Amino acid sequence: MKTRNRNLVAYILAFLISMSHMSMASAMTYYDDAEEPTAGEMLADTVLVRPPMILATLAGVVVFVVTLPFSALGGNVDEVGKTLVIEPAEYTFLRPLGDL
């Protein structure tokens, strides 16, 4: 019975995390790119956003390498590489400072 409860909790948490990601992505679409970022936004981006995104990029590289045999067998190496490595790296290093 404990295993069933743990599985249910895991499914509920996965669902909530995916829903929060979807709501965050939809909220980001309403951001007005015409506004210049403020000094506070640039500081927050530098101190709070970039360091975790560097770690996320490195973690994505590790996960990509570990899952490479499986994604190669599945034929989706490009998609996995884009999702785990390229997108976090672009968000971390190519985005203008303060453009959250």
N, C-alpha and C. Protein backbone atom coordinates (compact mmCIF):
# COMPACT_ATOMS: atom_id res chain seq x y z
N MET A 1 0.81 -1.19 0.00
CA MET A 1 0.00 0.00 0.00
C MET A 1 0.86 1.26 0.00
N LYS A 2 2.01 1.21 0.70
CA LYS A 2 2.90 2.38 0.75
C LYS A 2 3.45 2.71 -0.64
N THR A 3 3.78 1.68 -1.40
CA THR A 3 4.32 1.89 -2.74
C THR A 3 3.29 2.57 -3.63
N ARG A 4 2.04 2.16 -3.50
CA ARG A 4 0.98 2.76 -4.30
C ARG A 4 0.82 4.24 -3.95
N ASN A 5 0.87 4.56 -2.66
CA ASN A 5 0.75 5.95 -2.23
C ASN A 5 1.94 6.78 -2.72
N ARG A 6 3.12 6.21 -2.68
CA ARG A 6 4.30 6.93 -3.17
C ARG A 6 4.19 7.19 -4.67
N ASN A 7 3.73 6.20 -5.41
CA ASN A 7 3.56 6.39 -6.86
C ASN A 7 2.53 7.48 -7.14
N LEU A 8 1.43 7.48 -6.39
CA LEU A 8 0.41 8.50 -6.58
C LEU A 8 0.97 9.88 -6.29
N VAL A 9 1.72 10.02 -5.22
CA VAL A 9 2.33 11.31 -4.88
C VAL A 9 3.31 11.72 -5.96
N ALA A 10 4.08 10.79 -6.48
CA ALA A 10 5.04 11.11 -7.54
C ALA A 10 4.32 11.59 -8.80
N TYR A 11 3.22 10.93 -9.15
CA TYR A 11 2.46 11.35 -10.34
C TYR A 11 1.84 12.74 -10.14
N ILE A 12 1.33 12.99 -8.94
CA ILE A 12 0.73 14.30 -8.67
C ILE A 12 1.79 15.39 -8.72
N LEU A 13 2.96 15.14 -8.14
CA LEU A 13 4.04 16.13 -8.18
C LEU A 13 4.51 16.38 -9.61
N ALA A 14 4.64 15.33 -10.39
CA ALA A 14 5.05 15.50 -11.79
C ALA A 14 4.02 16.32 -12.56
N PHE A 15 2.75 16.06 -12.30
CA PHE A 15 1.69 16.82 -12.96
C PHE A 15 1.75 18.29 -12.56
N LEU A 16 1.90 18.58 -11.27
CA LEU A 16 1.95 19.96 -10.80
C LEU A 16 3.16 20.70 -11.35
N ILE A 17 4.29 20.02 -11.42
CA ILE A 17 5.49 20.65 -11.96
C ILE A 17 5.31 20.97 -13.44
N SER A 18 4.73 20.03 -14.18
CA SER A 18 4.52 20.28 -15.61
C SER A 18 3.52 21.40 -15.83
N MET A 19 2.49 21.48 -14.99
CA MET A 19 1.51 22.55 -15.13
C MET A 19 2.12 23.91 -14.78
N SER A 20 2.98 23.95 -13.76
CA SER A 20 3.61 25.22 -13.42
C SER A 20 4.55 25.68 -14.53
N HIS A 21 5.21 24.72 -15.18
CA HIS A 21 6.09 25.06 -16.30
C HIS A 21 5.28 25.63 -17.45
N MET A 22 4.12 25.04 -17.72
CA MET A 22 3.27 25.53 -18.81
C MET A 22 2.74 26.92 -18.50
N SER A 23 2.34 27.19 -17.26
CA SER A 23 1.83 28.51 -16.93
C SER A 23 2.94 29.55 -16.98
N MET A 24 4.16 29.16 -16.59
CA MET A 24 5.29 30.08 -16.66
C MET A 24 5.62 30.39 -18.11
N ALA A 25 5.56 29.39 -18.98
CA ALA A 25 5.85 29.61 -20.39
C ALA A 25 4.81 30.53 -21.02
N SER A 26 3.54 30.35 -20.66
CA SER A 26 2.51 31.22 -21.22
C SER A 26 2.63 32.64 -20.68
N ALA A 27 3.06 32.79 -19.45
CA ALA A 27 3.25 34.13 -18.89
C ALA A 27 4.40 34.84 -19.57
N MET A 28 5.42 34.08 -19.98
CA MET A 28 6.58 34.70 -20.64
C MET A 28 6.24 35.23 -22.02
N THR A 29 5.18 34.70 -22.66
CA THR A 29 4.82 35.17 -23.98
C THR A 29 4.26 36.58 -23.96
N TYR A 30 3.79 37.03 -22.79
CA TYR A 30 3.22 38.36 -22.69
C TYR A 30 4.25 39.43 -22.38
N TYR A 31 5.50 39.04 -22.24
CA TYR A 31 6.55 40.01 -21.94
C TYR A 31 6.76 40.93 -23.13
N ASP A 32 6.82 42.21 -22.87
CA ASP A 32 6.99 43.20 -23.92
C ASP A 32 8.48 43.41 -24.16
N ASP A 33 8.96 43.00 -25.35
CA ASP A 33 10.38 43.11 -25.67
C ASP A 33 10.82 44.54 -25.94
N ALA A 34 9.88 45.47 -26.12
CA ALA A 34 10.24 46.84 -26.45
C ALA A 34 10.78 47.58 -25.22
N GLU A 35 10.45 47.12 -24.03
CA GLU A 35 10.92 47.79 -22.82
C GLU A 35 12.40 47.50 -22.60
N GLU A 36 13.12 48.54 -22.19
CA GLU A 36 14.51 48.36 -21.81
C GLU A 36 14.56 47.81 -20.39
N PRO A 37 15.43 46.86 -20.11
CA PRO A 37 15.51 46.33 -18.75
C PRO A 37 16.08 47.37 -17.79
N THR A 38 15.57 47.33 -16.58
CA THR A 38 16.06 48.26 -15.56
C THR A 38 17.35 47.72 -14.96
N ALA A 39 18.01 48.55 -14.16
CA ALA A 39 19.24 48.12 -13.50
C ALA A 39 18.95 46.98 -12.52
N GLY A 40 17.80 47.03 -11.86
CA GLY A 40 17.43 45.96 -10.95
C GLY A 40 17.22 44.63 -11.66
N GLU A 41 16.61 44.69 -12.84
CA GLU A 41 16.42 43.46 -13.63
C GLU A 41 17.77 42.91 -14.09
N MET A 42 18.67 43.79 -14.49
CA MET A 42 19.99 43.34 -14.91
C MET A 42 20.76 42.72 -13.75
N LEU A 43 20.65 43.34 -12.57
CA LEU A 43 21.31 42.80 -11.38
C LEU A 43 20.72 41.44 -11.00
N ALA A 44 19.41 41.35 -11.00
CA ALA A 44 18.75 40.08 -10.67
C ALA A 44 19.13 39.00 -11.68
N ASP A 45 19.21 39.38 -12.94
CA ASP A 45 19.61 38.41 -13.96
C ASP A 45 21.03 37.92 -13.72
N THR A 46 21.92 38.84 -13.40
CA THR A 46 23.32 38.50 -13.18
C THR A 46 23.52 37.64 -11.94
N VAL A 47 22.84 37.98 -10.86
CA VAL A 47 23.08 37.33 -9.58
C VAL A 47 22.19 36.10 -9.36
N LEU A 48 20.92 36.19 -9.77
CA LEU A 48 19.97 35.14 -9.44
C LEU A 48 19.66 34.16 -10.57
N VAL A 49 19.74 34.60 -11.82
CA VAL A 49 19.31 33.75 -12.93
C VAL A 49 20.49 33.07 -13.63
N ARG A 50 21.51 33.82 -13.96
CA ARG A 50 22.61 33.24 -14.74
C ARG A 50 23.36 32.10 -14.04
N PRO A 51 23.74 32.24 -12.76
CA PRO A 51 24.47 31.13 -12.13
C PRO A 51 23.70 29.80 -12.11
N PRO A 52 22.40 29.79 -11.73
CA PRO A 52 21.68 28.51 -11.81
C PRO A 52 21.52 27.99 -13.24
N MET A 53 21.42 28.91 -14.20
CA MET A 53 21.30 28.46 -15.59
C MET A 53 22.61 27.86 -16.10
N ILE A 54 23.73 28.34 -15.61
CA ILE A 54 25.01 27.72 -15.96
C ILE A 54 25.04 26.29 -15.42
N LEU A 55 24.58 26.13 -14.17
CA LEU A 55 24.52 24.79 -13.59
C LEU A 55 23.52 23.91 -14.33
N ALA A 56 22.40 24.49 -14.75
CA ALA A 56 21.41 23.72 -15.52
C ALA A 56 21.98 23.29 -16.87
N THR A 57 22.76 24.15 -17.48
CA THR A 57 23.40 23.79 -18.75
C THR A 57 24.39 22.65 -18.56
N LEU A 58 25.19 22.73 -17.51
CA LEU A 58 26.14 21.65 -17.23
C LEU A 58 25.42 20.35 -16.88
N ALA A 59 24.35 20.44 -16.10
CA ALA A 59 23.56 19.24 -15.78
C ALA A 59 22.93 18.67 -17.04
N GLY A 60 22.49 19.53 -17.94
CA GLY A 60 21.91 19.06 -19.20
C GLY A 60 22.94 18.32 -20.04
N VAL A 61 24.18 18.80 -20.04
CA VAL A 61 25.25 18.11 -20.77
C VAL A 61 25.48 16.72 -20.18
N VAL A 62 25.51 16.65 -18.85
CA VAL A 62 25.73 15.35 -18.19
C VAL A 62 24.59 14.39 -18.50
N VAL A 63 23.35 14.87 -18.38
CA VAL A 63 22.19 14.01 -18.67
C VAL A 63 22.18 13.61 -20.14
N PHE A 64 22.55 14.53 -21.02
CA PHE A 64 22.60 14.22 -22.45
C PHE A 64 23.60 13.10 -22.72
N VAL A 65 24.79 13.19 -22.13
CA VAL A 65 25.81 12.16 -22.35
C VAL A 65 25.36 10.81 -21.79
N VAL A 66 24.74 10.84 -20.60
CA VAL A 66 24.28 9.59 -19.99
C VAL A 66 23.17 8.94 -20.82
N THR A 67 22.28 9.74 -21.34
CA THR A 67 21.15 9.19 -22.10
C THR A 67 21.42 9.06 -23.59
N LEU A 68 22.62 9.40 -24.02
CA LEU A 68 22.94 9.34 -25.45
C LEU A 68 22.71 7.97 -26.08
N PRO A 69 23.10 6.87 -25.46
CA PRO A 69 22.83 5.58 -26.10
C PRO A 69 21.33 5.32 -26.31
N PHE A 70 20.52 5.74 -25.35
CA PHE A 70 19.08 5.51 -25.46
C PHE A 70 18.45 6.41 -26.50
N SER A 71 18.87 7.67 -26.54
CA SER A 71 18.31 8.57 -27.54
C SER A 71 18.81 8.20 -28.94
N ALA A 72 20.01 7.64 -29.03
CA ALA A 72 20.50 7.18 -30.34
C ALA A 72 19.67 6.00 -30.83
N LEU A 73 19.35 5.10 -29.91
CA LEU A 73 18.49 3.97 -30.29
C LEU A 73 17.10 4.44 -30.67
N GLY A 74 16.62 5.48 -30.02
CA GLY A 74 15.30 6.01 -30.32
C GLY A 74 15.28 6.95 -31.51
N GLY A 75 16.45 7.36 -31.97
CA GLY A 75 16.54 8.22 -33.15
C GLY A 75 16.20 9.68 -32.88
N ASN A 76 16.33 10.13 -31.66
CA ASN A 76 16.00 11.52 -31.36
C ASN A 76 17.15 12.25 -30.66
N VAL A 77 18.36 12.01 -31.10
CA VAL A 77 19.52 12.66 -30.51
C VAL A 77 19.45 14.18 -30.68
N ASP A 78 19.04 14.64 -31.85
CA ASP A 78 18.97 16.09 -32.10
C ASP A 78 17.98 16.77 -31.17
N GLU A 79 16.81 16.16 -31.00
CA GLU A 79 15.78 16.74 -30.14
C GLU A 79 16.23 16.78 -28.68
N VAL A 80 16.85 15.70 -28.23
CA VAL A 80 17.33 15.63 -26.85
C VAL A 80 18.45 16.64 -26.63
N GLY A 81 19.38 16.74 -27.57
CA GLY A 81 20.47 17.70 -27.45
C GLY A 81 19.97 19.13 -27.44
N LYS A 82 18.98 19.42 -28.26
CA LYS A 82 18.42 20.77 -28.30
C LYS A 82 17.75 21.10 -26.97
N THR A 83 16.97 20.16 -26.45
CA THR A 83 16.23 20.42 -25.21
C THR A 83 17.14 20.50 -23.99
N LEU A 84 18.09 19.59 -23.89
CA LEU A 84 18.91 19.50 -22.68
C LEU A 84 20.14 20.41 -22.69
N VAL A 85 20.67 20.73 -23.87
CA VAL A 85 21.93 21.47 -23.92
C VAL A 85 21.77 22.83 -24.61
N ILE A 86 21.26 22.83 -25.80
CA ILE A 86 21.27 24.06 -26.60
C ILE A 86 20.35 25.13 -26.03
N GLU A 87 19.11 24.77 -25.69
CA GLU A 87 18.18 25.78 -25.17
C GLU A 87 18.67 26.41 -23.86
N PRO A 88 19.12 25.62 -22.86
CA PRO A 88 19.65 26.26 -21.65
C PRO A 88 20.90 27.11 -21.92
N ALA A 89 21.75 26.64 -22.83
CA ALA A 89 22.97 27.40 -23.15
C ALA A 89 22.62 28.72 -23.83
N GLU A 90 21.68 28.70 -24.75
CA GLU A 90 21.27 29.93 -25.42
C GLU A 90 20.65 30.90 -24.42
N TYR A 91 19.80 30.38 -23.52
CA TYR A 91 19.18 31.25 -22.52
C TYR A 91 20.22 31.83 -21.58
N THR A 92 21.26 31.07 -21.30
CA THR A 92 22.28 31.53 -20.37
C THR A 92 23.26 32.52 -21.02
N PHE A 93 23.73 32.21 -22.20
CA PHE A 93 24.86 32.97 -22.76
C PHE A 93 24.51 33.91 -23.91
N LEU A 94 23.41 33.70 -24.61
CA LEU A 94 23.11 34.53 -25.79
C LEU A 94 22.04 35.57 -25.56
N ARG A 95 21.33 35.48 -24.48
CA ARG A 95 20.24 36.41 -24.18
C ARG A 95 20.82 37.70 -23.63
N PRO A 96 20.23 38.87 -24.01
CA PRO A 96 20.71 40.14 -23.47
C PRO A 96 20.52 40.20 -21.95
N LEU A 97 21.41 40.87 -21.28
CA LEU A 97 21.37 40.98 -19.83
C LEU A 97 20.11 41.73 -19.40
N GLY A 98 19.38 41.14 -18.47
CA GLY A 98 18.15 41.75 -17.97
C GLY A 98 16.91 41.38 -18.74
N ASP A 99 17.06 40.67 -19.85
CA ASP A 99 15.92 40.23 -20.66
C ASP A 99 15.41 38.92 -20.11
N LEU A 100 14.59 39.00 -19.07
CA LEU A 100 14.10 37.81 -18.41
C LEU A 100 12.92 37.30 -19.18
